[in-house]
Amino acid sequence: MAGGWTRDGAVQDQIDDTVSDAVLDARRRMPSGESAVYCDGCGEPIAEARRSALPGVRTCVECQSKRDAGRRQGGFNRRGSKDSQLR
């Protein structure tokens, strides 16, 4: 159900596009290549299990957790929903 001048399904299209953008962004940020043996943040050894599970990893779990905690989600919906324009 769309309202106003939009066609039916337009709201779902916006939701799908937003989710797709988030997935693409997460994939873009994933490490690749050869993993580091020692953490770039603290210098401690990175566990073999982590290096095997995530190729290209550069930080230990503790340092990565700290980095992730400081990361903020995107600010607004670029596709122009009314809710995003009211913020």
C-alpha atoms as a PDB file:
ATOM      1  CA  MET A   1       0.000   0.000   0.000  1.00  0.00           C
ATOM      2  CA  ALA A   2       1.513   3.271  -1.131  1.00  0.00           C
ATOM      3  CA  GLY A   3       0.077   6.677  -0.527  1.00  0.00           C
ATOM      4  CA  GLY A   4      -0.015   9.975  -2.354  1.00  0.00           C
ATOM      5  CA  TRP A   5       1.767   9.952  -5.693  1.00  0.00           C
ATOM      6  CA  THR A   6       3.717   6.754  -5.181  1.00  0.00           C
ATOM      7  CA  ARG A   7       2.947   3.414  -6.755  1.00  0.00           C
ATOM      8  CA  ASP A   8       2.068   0.303  -4.789  1.00  0.00           C
ATOM      9  CA  GLY A   9       5.166  -1.336  -3.344  1.00  0.00           C
ATOM     10  CA  ALA A  10       7.291   1.830  -3.294  1.00  0.00           C
ATOM     11  CA  VAL A  11       7.759   1.684   0.474  1.00  0.00           C
ATOM     12  CA  GLN A  12       8.932  -1.921   0.300  1.00  0.00           C
ATOM     13  CA  ASP A  13      11.337  -0.967  -2.492  1.00  0.00           C
ATOM     14  CA  GLN A  14      12.874   1.672  -0.205  1.00  0.00           C
ATOM     15  CA  ILE A  15      13.235  -0.860   2.593  1.00  0.00           C
ATOM     16  CA  ASP A  16      14.808  -3.417   0.245  1.00  0.00           C
ATOM     17  CA  ASP A  17      17.251  -0.834  -1.126  1.00  0.00           C
ATOM     18  CA  THR A  18      18.268   0.270   2.372  1.00  0.00           C
ATOM     19  CA  VAL A  19      18.917  -3.325   3.460  1.00  0.00           C
ATOM     20  CA  SER A  20      20.827  -4.033   0.247  1.00  0.00           C
ATOM     21  CA  ASP A  21      23.008  -0.949   0.794  1.00  0.00           C
ATOM     22  CA  ALA A  22      23.782  -2.066   4.359  1.00  0.00           C
ATOM     23  CA  VAL A  23      24.785  -5.556   3.189  1.00  0.00           C
ATOM     24  CA  LEU A  24      27.016  -4.163   0.443  1.00  0.00           C
ATOM     25  CA  ASP A  25      28.647  -1.769   2.917  1.00  0.00           C
ATOM     26  CA  ALA A  26      29.318  -4.608   5.378  1.00  0.00           C
ATOM     27  CA  ARG A  27      30.852  -6.735   2.613  1.00  0.00           C
ATOM     28  CA  ARG A  28      33.016  -3.812   1.494  1.00  0.00           C
ATOM     29  CA  ARG A  29      34.382  -3.397   5.025  1.00  0.00           C
ATOM     30  CA  MET A  30      35.235  -7.095   5.426  1.00  0.00           C
ATOM     31  CA  PRO A  31      38.964  -7.803   5.422  1.00  0.00           C
ATOM     32  CA  SER A  32      40.548  -9.842   2.644  1.00  0.00           C
ATOM     33  CA  GLY A  33      43.982 -11.161   1.810  1.00  0.00           C
ATOM     34  CA  GLU A  34      46.515 -12.557   4.242  1.00  0.00           C
ATOM     35  CA  SER A  35      45.794 -12.261   7.962  1.00  0.00           C
ATOM     36  CA  ALA A  36      48.223 -10.600  10.337  1.00  0.00           C
ATOM     37  CA  VAL A  37      49.879 -12.794  12.947  1.00  0.00           C
ATOM     38  CA  TYR A  38      49.983  -9.961  15.485  1.00  0.00           C
ATOM     39  CA  CYS A  39      47.236  -7.420  16.198  1.00  0.00           C
ATOM     40  CA  ASP A  40      47.716  -3.997  14.605  1.00  0.00           C
ATOM     41  CA  GLY A  41      46.125  -2.419  17.693  1.00  0.00           C
ATOM     42  CA  CYS A  42      47.819  -3.987  20.684  1.00  0.00           C
ATOM     43  CA  GLY A  43      50.574  -6.178  19.222  1.00  0.00           C
ATOM     44  CA  GLU A  44      49.287  -9.374  20.840  1.00  0.00           C
ATOM     45  CA  PRO A  45      49.119 -12.586  18.758  1.00  0.00           C
ATOM     46  CA  ILE A  46      45.850 -13.148  16.874  1.00  0.00           C
ATOM     47  CA  ALA A  47      44.371 -16.591  17.563  1.00  0.00           C
ATOM     48  CA  GLU A  48      44.808 -19.112  14.747  1.00  0.00           C
ATOM     49  CA  ALA A  49      41.083 -19.893  14.827  1.00  0.00           C
ATOM     50  CA  ARG A  50      40.267 -16.224  14.162  1.00  0.00           C
ATOM     51  CA  ARG A  51      42.796 -15.989  11.332  1.00  0.00           C
ATOM     52  CA  SER A  52      41.370 -19.144   9.743  1.00  0.00           C
ATOM     53  CA  ALA A  53      37.752 -18.078  10.107  1.00  0.00           C
ATOM     54  CA  LEU A  54      38.260 -14.535   8.804  1.00  0.00           C
ATOM     55  CA  PRO A  55      40.931 -14.223   6.094  1.00  0.00           C
ATOM     56  CA  GLY A  56      42.611 -10.835   6.092  1.00  0.00           C
ATOM     57  CA  VAL A  57      41.949 -10.050   9.746  1.00  0.00           C
ATOM     58  CA  ARG A  58      44.291  -7.412  11.202  1.00  0.00           C
ATOM     59  CA  THR A  59      43.095  -7.111  14.831  1.00  0.00           C
ATOM     60  CA  CYS A  60      42.433  -9.381  17.800  1.00  0.00           C
ATOM     61  CA  VAL A  61      38.871  -9.903  19.041  1.00  0.00           C
ATOM     62  CA  GLU A  62      39.265  -7.418  21.907  1.00  0.00           C
ATOM     63  CA  CYS A  63      40.600  -4.592  19.709  1.00  0.00           C
ATOM     64  CA  GLN A  64      38.002  -5.260  17.016  1.00  0.00           C
ATOM     65  CA  SER A  65      35.238  -5.154  19.637  1.00  0.00           C
ATOM     66  CA  LYS A  66      36.460  -1.745  20.772  1.00  0.00           C
ATOM     67  CA  ARG A  67      36.530  -0.486  17.172  1.00  0.00           C
ATOM     68  CA  ASP A  68      33.026  -1.817  16.498  1.00  0.00           C
ATOM     69  CA  ALA A  69      31.652  -0.200  19.668  1.00  0.00           C
ATOM     70  CA  GLY A  70      32.888   3.187  18.479  1.00  0.00           C
ATOM     71  CA  ARG A  71      31.354   2.843  14.999  1.00  0.00           C
ATOM     72  CA  ARG A  72      28.041   4.622  14.458  1.00  0.00           C
ATOM     73  CA  GLN A  73      25.317   3.532  12.063  1.00  0.00           C
ATOM     74  CA  GLY A  74      24.470   5.692   9.070  1.00  0.00           C
ATOM     75  CA  GLY A  75      22.542   8.867   9.725  1.00  0.00           C
ATOM     76  CA  PHE A  76      19.487   8.899   7.506  1.00  0.00           C
ATOM     77  CA  ASN A  77      17.634   7.231   4.678  1.00  0.00           C
ATOM     78  CA  ARG A  78      18.921   8.825   1.457  1.00  0.00           C
ATOM     79  CA  ARG A  79      15.875   7.715  -0.468  1.00  0.00           C
ATOM     80  CA  GLY A  80      13.738  10.485   0.983  1.00  0.00           C
ATOM     81  CA  SER A  81      11.224   8.825   3.273  1.00  0.00           C
ATOM     82  CA  LYS A  82       9.161  11.272   5.278  1.00  0.00           C
ATOM     83  CA  ASP A  83      10.569   9.926   8.551  1.00  0.00           C
ATOM     84  CA  SER A  84      14.158  10.633   7.535  1.00  0.00           C
ATOM     85  CA  GLN A  85      13.299  14.191   6.509  1.00  0.00           C
ATOM     86  CA  LEU A  86      11.751  14.956   9.897  1.00  0.00           C
ATOM     87  CA  ARG A  87      14.956  14.204  11.821  1.00  0.00           C
END
